[in-house]
C-alpha cells in the first residue's frame, strides 16, 4: 500500500488544517500570511522538471490562493 511521505511543515499545515484552524505562515520570501488549507496534492517541480513534489493548496480570506511546497515555507506559526 502506498503511503505519502509528508515533509515537516506540510505535515503541520495538514494537522492544523484538519482541525479547521486558520494558519499563520512565515514564507521563505518574507511574507507572513493567514490562510486555510484546501488540500495537499502533488505538482510538477518546475516547468522543465516533471518530478512531482507535494504541495499545500492554501486559500486566503479574499478567495485567492496559491500552492506552497516545503521550501516555500519557513515556519508554521
PDB file of N, CA and C in Angstrom:
ATOM      1  N   UNK A   1       0.836  -1.176   0.000  1.00  0.00           N
ATOM      2  CA  UNK A   1       0.000   0.000   0.000  1.00  0.00           C
ATOM      3  C   UNK A   1       0.886   1.246   0.000  1.00  0.00           C
ATOM      4  N   UNK A   2       0.537   2.206  -0.855  1.00  0.00           N
ATOM      5  CA  UNK A   2       1.295   3.461  -0.954  1.00  0.00           C
ATOM      6  C   UNK A   2       0.958   4.366   0.212  1.00  0.00           C
ATOM      7  N   UNK A   3       1.969   4.926   0.824  1.00  0.00           N
ATOM      8  CA  UNK A   3       1.780   5.896   1.900  1.00  0.00           C
ATOM      9  C   UNK A   3       2.622   7.124   1.581  1.00  0.00           C
ATOM     10  N   UNK A   4       1.966   8.267   1.479  1.00  0.00           N
ATOM     11  CA  UNK A   4       2.660   9.508   1.131  1.00  0.00           C
ATOM     12  C   UNK A   4       3.637   9.912   2.227  1.00  0.00           C
ATOM     13  N   UNK A   5       4.786  10.424   1.815  1.00  0.00           N
ATOM     14  CA  UNK A   5       5.760  10.962   2.764  1.00  0.00           C
ATOM     15  C   UNK A   5       5.535  12.469   2.812  1.00  0.00           C
ATOM     16  N   UNK A   6       5.107  12.941   3.964  1.00  0.00           N
ATOM     17  CA  UNK A   6       4.784  14.354   4.119  1.00  0.00           C
ATOM     18  C   UNK A   6       5.920  15.045   4.870  1.00  0.00           C
ATOM     19  N   UNK A   7       6.441  16.115   4.292  1.00  0.00           N
ATOM     20  CA  UNK A   7       7.537  16.869   4.904  1.00  0.00           C
ATOM     21  C   UNK A   7       7.040  17.582   6.169  1.00  0.00           C
ATOM     22  N   UNK A   8       7.960  17.995   7.046  1.00  0.00           N
ATOM     23  CA  UNK A   8       7.586  18.541   8.358  1.00  0.00           C
ATOM     24  C   UNK A   8       6.603  19.717   8.327  1.00  0.00           C
ATOM     25  N   UNK A   9       6.885  20.752   7.534  1.00  0.00           N
ATOM     26  CA  UNK A   9       5.995  21.916   7.510  1.00  0.00           C
ATOM     27  C   UNK A   9       4.645  21.578   6.888  1.00  0.00           C
ATOM     28  N   UNK A  10       4.646  20.764   5.838  1.00  0.00           N
ATOM     29  CA  UNK A  10       3.378  20.379   5.228  1.00  0.00           C
ATOM     30  C   UNK A  10       2.560  19.519   6.186  1.00  0.00           C
ATOM     31  N   UNK A  11       3.224  18.729   7.002  1.00  0.00           N
ATOM     32  CA  UNK A  11       2.511  17.921   7.992  1.00  0.00           C
ATOM     33  C   UNK A  11       1.847  18.821   9.032  1.00  0.00           C
ATOM     34  N   UNK A  12       2.556  19.853   9.502  1.00  0.00           N
ATOM     35  CA  UNK A  12       1.973  20.796  10.459  1.00  0.00           C
ATOM     36  C   UNK A  12       0.756  21.497   9.846  1.00  0.00           C
ATOM     37  N   UNK A  13       0.893  21.917   8.591  1.00  0.00           N
ATOM     38  CA  UNK A  13      -0.217  22.575   7.895  1.00  0.00           C
ATOM     39  C   UNK A  13      -1.403  21.619   7.786  1.00  0.00           C
ATOM     40  N   UNK A  14      -1.131  20.378   7.431  1.00  0.00           N
ATOM     41  CA  UNK A  14      -2.191  19.385   7.298  1.00  0.00           C
ATOM     42  C   UNK A  14      -2.912  19.156   8.625  1.00  0.00           C
ATOM     43  N   UNK A  15      -2.161  18.986   9.699  1.00  0.00           N
ATOM     44  CA  UNK A  15      -2.759  18.726  11.010  1.00  0.00           C
ATOM     45  C   UNK A  15      -3.623  19.897  11.475  1.00  0.00           C
ATOM     46  N   UNK A  16      -3.135  21.124  11.317  1.00  0.00           N
ATOM     47  CA  UNK A  16      -3.920  22.289  11.708  1.00  0.00           C
ATOM     48  C   UNK A  16      -5.118  22.467  10.779  1.00  0.00           C
ATOM     49  N   UNK A  17      -4.919  22.211   9.497  1.00  0.00           N
ATOM     50  CA  UNK A  17      -6.000  22.324   8.523  1.00  0.00           C
ATOM     51  C   UNK A  17      -7.112  21.332   8.779  1.00  0.00           C
ATOM     52  N   UNK A  18      -6.764  20.135   9.219  1.00  0.00           N
ATOM     53  CA  UNK A  18      -7.755  19.105   9.547  1.00  0.00           C
ATOM     54  C   UNK A  18      -8.650  19.554  10.701  1.00  0.00           C
ATOM     55  N   UNK A  19      -8.092  20.353  11.587  1.00  0.00           N
ATOM     56  CA  UNK A  19      -8.864  20.864  12.726  1.00  0.00           C
ATOM     57  C   UNK A  19      -9.620  22.142  12.365  1.00  0.00           C
ATOM     58  N   UNK A  20      -9.483  22.603  11.129  1.00  0.00           N
ATOM     59  CA  UNK A  20     -10.183  23.798  10.668  1.00  0.00           C
ATOM     60  C   UNK A  20      -9.569  25.108  11.117  1.00  0.00           C
ATOM     61  N   UNK A  21      -8.333  25.056  11.586  1.00  0.00           N
ATOM     62  CA  UNK A  21      -7.668  26.260  12.090  1.00  0.00           C
ATOM     63  C   UNK A  21      -7.250  27.190  10.953  1.00  0.00           C
ATOM     64  N   UNK A  22      -7.244  28.477  11.258  1.00  0.00           N
ATOM     65  CA  UNK A  22      -6.642  29.457  10.361  1.00  0.00           C
ATOM     66  C   UNK A  22      -5.141  29.358  10.584  1.00  0.00           C
ATOM     67  N   UNK A  23      -4.399  29.251   9.505  1.00  0.00           N
ATOM     68  CA  UNK A  23      -2.946  29.091   9.586  1.00  0.00           C
ATOM     69  C   UNK A  23      -2.248  30.440   9.462  1.00  0.00           C
ATOM     70  N   UNK A  24      -1.193  30.612  10.213  1.00  0.00           N
ATOM     71  CA  UNK A  24      -0.297  31.748  10.032  1.00  0.00           C
ATOM     72  C   UNK A  24       1.036  31.161   9.605  1.00  0.00           C
ATOM     73  N   UNK A  25       1.482  31.576   8.430  1.00  0.00           N
ATOM     74  CA  UNK A  25       2.712  31.030   7.854  1.00  0.00           C
ATOM     75  C   UNK A  25       3.716  32.149   7.619  1.00  0.00           C
ATOM     76  N   UNK A  26       4.976  31.873   7.915  1.00  0.00           N
ATOM     77  CA  UNK A  26       6.083  32.746   7.539  1.00  0.00           C
ATOM     78  C   UNK A  26       6.714  32.086   6.318  1.00  0.00           C
ATOM     79  N   UNK A  27       6.673  32.785   5.196  1.00  0.00           N
ATOM     80  CA  UNK A  27       7.145  32.208   3.946  1.00  0.00           C
ATOM     81  C   UNK A  27       8.595  32.577   3.669  1.00  0.00           C
ATOM     82  N   UNK A  28       9.232  31.802   2.827  1.00  0.00           N
ATOM     83  CA  UNK A  28      10.649  31.996   2.504  1.00  0.00           C
ATOM     84  C   UNK A  28      10.912  33.362   1.874  1.00  0.00           C
ATOM     85  N   UNK A  29       9.902  33.932   1.207  1.00  0.00           N
ATOM     86  CA  UNK A  29      10.092  35.247   0.577  1.00  0.00           C
ATOM     87  C   UNK A  29       9.849  36.401   1.552  1.00  0.00           C
ATOM     88  N   UNK A  30       9.634  36.079   2.850  1.00  0.00           N
ATOM     89  CA  UNK A  30       9.492  37.105   3.872  1.00  0.00           C
ATOM     90  C   UNK A  30       8.056  37.461   4.222  1.00  0.00           C
ATOM     91  N   UNK A  31       7.092  36.990   3.463  1.00  0.00           N
ATOM     92  CA  UNK A  31       5.696  37.298   3.766  1.00  0.00           C
ATOM     93  C   UNK A  31       5.208  36.514   4.980  1.00  0.00           C
ATOM     94  N   UNK A  32       4.318  37.121   5.722  1.00  0.00           N
ATOM     95  CA  UNK A  32       3.604  36.451   6.819  1.00  0.00           C
ATOM     96  C   UNK A  32       2.139  36.468   6.384  1.00  0.00           C
ATOM     97  N   UNK A  33       1.541  35.284   6.219  1.00  0.00           N
ATOM     98  CA  UNK A  33       0.191  35.191   5.679  1.00  0.00           C
ATOM     99  C   UNK A  33      -0.723  34.393   6.595  1.00  0.00           C
ATOM    100  N   UNK A  34      -2.012  34.739   6.539  1.00  0.00           N
ATOM    101  CA  UNK A  34      -3.056  33.972   7.220  1.00  0.00           C
ATOM    102  C   UNK A  34      -3.882  33.304   6.129  1.00  0.00           C
ATOM    103  N   UNK A  35      -4.145  32.016   6.313  1.00  0.00           N
ATOM    104  CA  UNK A  35      -4.826  31.261   5.271  1.00  0.00           C
ATOM    105  C   UNK A  35      -5.470  30.019   5.856  1.00  0.00           C
ATOM    106  N   UNK A  36      -6.152  29.285   4.993  1.00  0.00           N
ATOM    107  CA  UNK A  36      -6.719  27.978   5.348  1.00  0.00           C
ATOM    108  C   UNK A  36      -6.211  26.959   4.338  1.00  0.00           C
ATOM    109  N   UNK A  37      -6.068  25.739   4.792  1.00  0.00           N
ATOM    110  CA  UNK A  37      -5.659  24.652   3.908  1.00  0.00           C
ATOM    111  C   UNK A  37      -6.867  24.168   3.119  1.00  0.00           C
ATOM    112  N   UNK A  38      -6.707  24.053   1.807  1.00  0.00           N
ATOM    113  CA  UNK A  38      -7.733  23.424   0.986  1.00  0.00           C
ATOM    114  C   UNK A  38      -7.428  21.940   0.824  1.00  0.00           C
ATOM    115  N   UNK A  39      -6.160  21.626   0.479  1.00  0.00           N
ATOM    116  CA  UNK A  39      -5.776  20.228   0.315  1.00  0.00           C
ATOM    117  C   UNK A  39      -4.270  20.107   0.129  1.00  0.00           C
ATOM    118  N   UNK A  40      -3.773  18.897   0.339  1.00  0.00           N
ATOM    119  CA  UNK A  40      -2.414  18.543  -0.059  1.00  0.00           C
ATOM    120  C   UNK A  40      -2.536  17.803  -1.380  1.00  0.00           C
ATOM    121  N   UNK A  41      -1.622  18.079  -2.287  1.00  0.00           N
ATOM    122  CA  UNK A  41      -1.643  17.431  -3.595  1.00  0.00           C
ATOM    123  C   UNK A  41      -0.218  17.397  -4.129  1.00  0.00           C
ATOM    124  N   UNK A  42      -0.072  16.957  -5.339  1.00  0.00           N
ATOM    125  CA  UNK A  42       1.240  16.932  -5.991  1.00  0.00           C
ATOM    126  C   UNK A  42       1.244  17.879  -7.184  1.00  0.00           C
ATOM    127  N   UNK A  43       2.395  18.472  -7.443  1.00  0.00           N
ATOM    128  CA  UNK A  43       2.584  19.356  -8.592  1.00  0.00           C
ATOM    129  C   UNK A  43       3.971  19.096  -9.163  1.00  0.00           C
ATOM    130  N   UNK A  44       4.160  19.463 -10.426  1.00  0.00           N
ATOM    131  CA  UNK A  44       5.479  19.340 -11.035  1.00  0.00           C
ATOM    132  C   UNK A  44       6.444  20.289 -10.351  1.00  0.00           C
ATOM    133  N   UNK A  45       7.675  19.850 -10.210  1.00  0.00           N
ATOM    134  CA  UNK A  45       8.701  20.653  -9.547  1.00  0.00           C
ATOM    135  C   UNK A  45       8.924  21.980 -10.279  1.00  0.00           C
ATOM    136  N   UNK A  46       8.911  21.944 -11.602  1.00  0.00           N
ATOM    137  CA  UNK A  46       9.074  23.164 -12.403  1.00  0.00           C
ATOM    138  C   UNK A  46       8.518  22.906 -13.797  1.00  0.00           C
ATOM    139  N   UNK A  47       8.540  23.936 -14.621  1.00  0.00           N
ATOM    140  CA  UNK A  47       8.055  23.787 -15.995  1.00  0.00           C
ATOM    141  C   UNK A  47       8.926  22.831 -16.804  1.00  0.00           C
ATOM    142  N   UNK A  48      10.183  22.683 -16.402  1.00  0.00           N
ATOM    143  CA  UNK A  48      11.103  21.828 -17.158  1.00  0.00           C
ATOM    144  C   UNK A  48      11.396  20.500 -16.475  1.00  0.00           C
ATOM    145  N   UNK A  49      10.916  20.335 -15.243  1.00  0.00           N
ATOM    146  CA  UNK A  49      11.172  19.110 -14.476  1.00  0.00           C
ATOM    147  C   UNK A  49       9.833  18.487 -14.081  1.00  0.00           C
ATOM    148  N   UNK A  50       9.557  17.299 -14.601  1.00  0.00           N
ATOM    149  CA  UNK A  50       8.286  16.628 -14.341  1.00  0.00           C
ATOM    150  C   UNK A  50       8.237  15.892 -13.000  1.00  0.00           C
ATOM    151  N   UNK A  51       9.266  16.027 -12.193  1.00  0.00           N
ATOM    152  CA  UNK A  51       9.266  15.381 -10.888  1.00  0.00           C
ATOM    153  C   UNK A  51       8.133  15.961 -10.046  1.00  0.00           C
ATOM    154  N   UNK A  52       7.344  15.086  -9.420  1.00  0.00           N
ATOM    155  CA  UNK A  52       6.252  15.534  -8.569  1.00  0.00           C
ATOM    156  C   UNK A  52       6.746  15.843  -7.165  1.00  0.00           C
ATOM    157  N   UNK A  53       6.265  16.954  -6.616  1.00  0.00           N
ATOM    158  CA  UNK A  53       6.529  17.314  -5.220  1.00  0.00           C
ATOM    159  C   UNK A  53       5.195  17.563  -4.538  1.00  0.00           C
ATOM    160  N   UNK A  54       5.123  17.249  -3.260  1.00  0.00           N
ATOM    161  CA  UNK A  54       3.898  17.503  -2.515  1.00  0.00           C
ATOM    162  C   UNK A  54       3.801  18.995  -2.216  1.00  0.00           C
ATOM    163  N   UNK A  55       2.600  19.537  -2.373  1.00  0.00           N
ATOM    164  CA  UNK A  55       2.344  20.947  -2.120  1.00  0.00           C
ATOM    165  C   UNK A  55       1.042  21.096  -1.343  1.00  0.00           C
ATOM    166  N   UNK A  56       0.921  22.217  -0.661  1.00  0.00           N
ATOM    167  CA  UNK A  56      -0.319  22.562   0.023  1.00  0.00           C
ATOM    168  C   UNK A  56      -1.026  23.611  -0.816  1.00  0.00           C
ATOM    169  N   UNK A  57      -2.301  23.379  -1.087  1.00  0.00           N
ATOM    170  CA  UNK A  57      -3.130  24.382  -1.752  1.00  0.00           C
ATOM    171  C   UNK A  57      -3.785  25.174  -0.628  1.00  0.00           C
ATOM    172  N   UNK A  58      -3.407  26.456  -0.509  1.00  0.00           N
ATOM    173  CA  UNK A  58      -3.942  27.284   0.563  1.00  0.00           C
ATOM    174  C   UNK A  58      -4.846  28.354  -0.032  1.00  0.00           C
ATOM    175  N   UNK A  59      -5.763  28.834   0.793  1.00  0.00           N
ATOM    176  CA  UNK A  59      -6.723  29.842   0.351  1.00  0.00           C
ATOM    177  C   UNK A  59      -6.726  30.995   1.345  1.00  0.00           C
ATOM    178  N   UNK A  60      -6.644  32.212   0.795  1.00  0.00           N
ATOM    179  CA  UNK A  60      -6.680  33.420   1.606  1.00  0.00           C
ATOM    180  C   UNK A  60      -8.123  33.857   1.819  1.00  0.00           C
ATOM    181  N   UNK A  61      -8.337  34.758   2.749  1.00  0.00           N
ATOM    182  CA  UNK A  61      -9.668  35.244   3.070  1.00  0.00           C
ATOM    183  C   UNK A  61     -10.386  35.917   1.910  1.00  0.00           C
ATOM    184  N   UNK A  62      -9.631  36.464   0.960  1.00  0.00           N
ATOM    185  CA  UNK A  62     -10.255  37.143  -0.183  1.00  0.00           C
ATOM    186  C   UNK A  62     -10.627  36.181  -1.313  1.00  0.00           C
ATOM    187  N   UNK A  63     -10.400  34.883  -1.097  1.00  0.00           N
ATOM    188  CA  UNK A  63     -10.743  33.887  -2.113  1.00  0.00           C
ATOM    189  C   UNK A  63      -9.577  33.471  -2.989  1.00  0.00           C
ATOM    190  N   UNK A  64      -8.514  34.249  -3.014  1.00  0.00           N
ATOM    191  CA  UNK A  64      -7.326  33.876  -3.779  1.00  0.00           C
ATOM    192  C   UNK A  64      -6.556  32.805  -3.026  1.00  0.00           C
ATOM    193  N   UNK A  65      -5.661  32.151  -3.711  1.00  0.00           N
ATOM    194  CA  UNK A  65      -4.847  31.133  -3.067  1.00  0.00           C
ATOM    195  C   UNK A  65      -3.586  30.868  -3.858  1.00  0.00           C
ATOM    196  N   UNK A  66      -2.812  29.914  -3.377  1.00  0.00           N
ATOM    197  CA  UNK A  66      -1.601  29.515  -4.083  1.00  0.00           C
ATOM    198  C   UNK A  66      -1.160  28.142  -3.613  1.00  0.00           C
ATOM    199  N   UNK A  67      -0.221  27.568  -4.348  1.00  0.00           N
ATOM    200  CA  UNK A  67       0.385  26.290  -3.994  1.00  0.00           C
ATOM    201  C   UNK A  67       1.700  26.574  -3.297  1.00  0.00           C
ATOM    202  N   UNK A  68       1.932  25.912  -2.181  1.00  0.00           N
ATOM    203  CA  UNK A  68       3.180  26.091  -1.436  1.00  0.00           C
ATOM    204  C   UNK A  68       3.862  24.751  -1.237  1.00  0.00           C
ATOM    205  N   UNK A  69       5.131  24.683  -1.625  1.00  0.00           N
ATOM    206  CA  UNK A  69       5.958  23.497  -1.390  1.00  0.00           C
ATOM    207  C   UNK A  69       6.727  23.702  -0.088  1.00  0.00           C
ATOM    208  N   UNK A  70       7.329  22.646   0.395  1.00  0.00           N
ATOM    209  CA  UNK A  70       8.089  22.706   1.646  1.00  0.00           C
ATOM    210  C   UNK A  70       9.101  23.858   1.641  1.00  0.00           C
ATOM    211  N   UNK A  71       9.816  24.030   0.547  1.00  0.00           N
ATOM    212  CA  UNK A  71      10.852  25.069   0.513  1.00  0.00           C
ATOM    213  C   UNK A  71      10.292  26.479   0.486  1.00  0.00           C
ATOM    214  N   UNK A  72       8.993  26.637   0.229  1.00  0.00           N
ATOM    215  CA  UNK A  72       8.347  27.958   0.249  1.00  0.00           C
ATOM    216  C   UNK A  72       7.984  28.401   1.657  1.00  0.00           C
ATOM    217  N   UNK A  73       7.983  27.471   2.612  1.00  0.00           N
ATOM    218  CA  UNK A  73       7.502  27.725   3.969  1.00  0.00           C
ATOM    219  C   UNK A  73       8.681  27.742   4.934  1.00  0.00           C
ATOM    220  N   UNK A  74       8.898  28.887   5.536  1.00  0.00           N
ATOM    221  CA  UNK A  74       9.979  28.998   6.511  1.00  0.00           C
ATOM    222  C   UNK A  74       9.521  28.475   7.873  1.00  0.00           C
ATOM    223  N   UNK A  75       8.275  28.821   8.264  1.00  0.00           N
ATOM    224  CA  UNK A  75       7.784  28.400   9.569  1.00  0.00           C
ATOM    225  C   UNK A  75       6.254  28.413   9.592  1.00  0.00           C
ATOM    226  N   UNK A  76       5.688  27.440  10.305  1.00  0.00           N
ATOM    227  CA  UNK A  76       4.259  27.408  10.571  1.00  0.00           C
ATOM    228  C   UNK A  76       4.084  27.914  11.987  1.00  0.00           C
ATOM    229  N   UNK A  77       3.433  29.068  12.132  1.00  0.00           N
ATOM    230  CA  UNK A  77       3.308  29.706  13.449  1.00  0.00           C
ATOM    231  C   UNK A  77       2.033  29.282  14.157  1.00  0.00           C
TER     232      UNK A  77
END
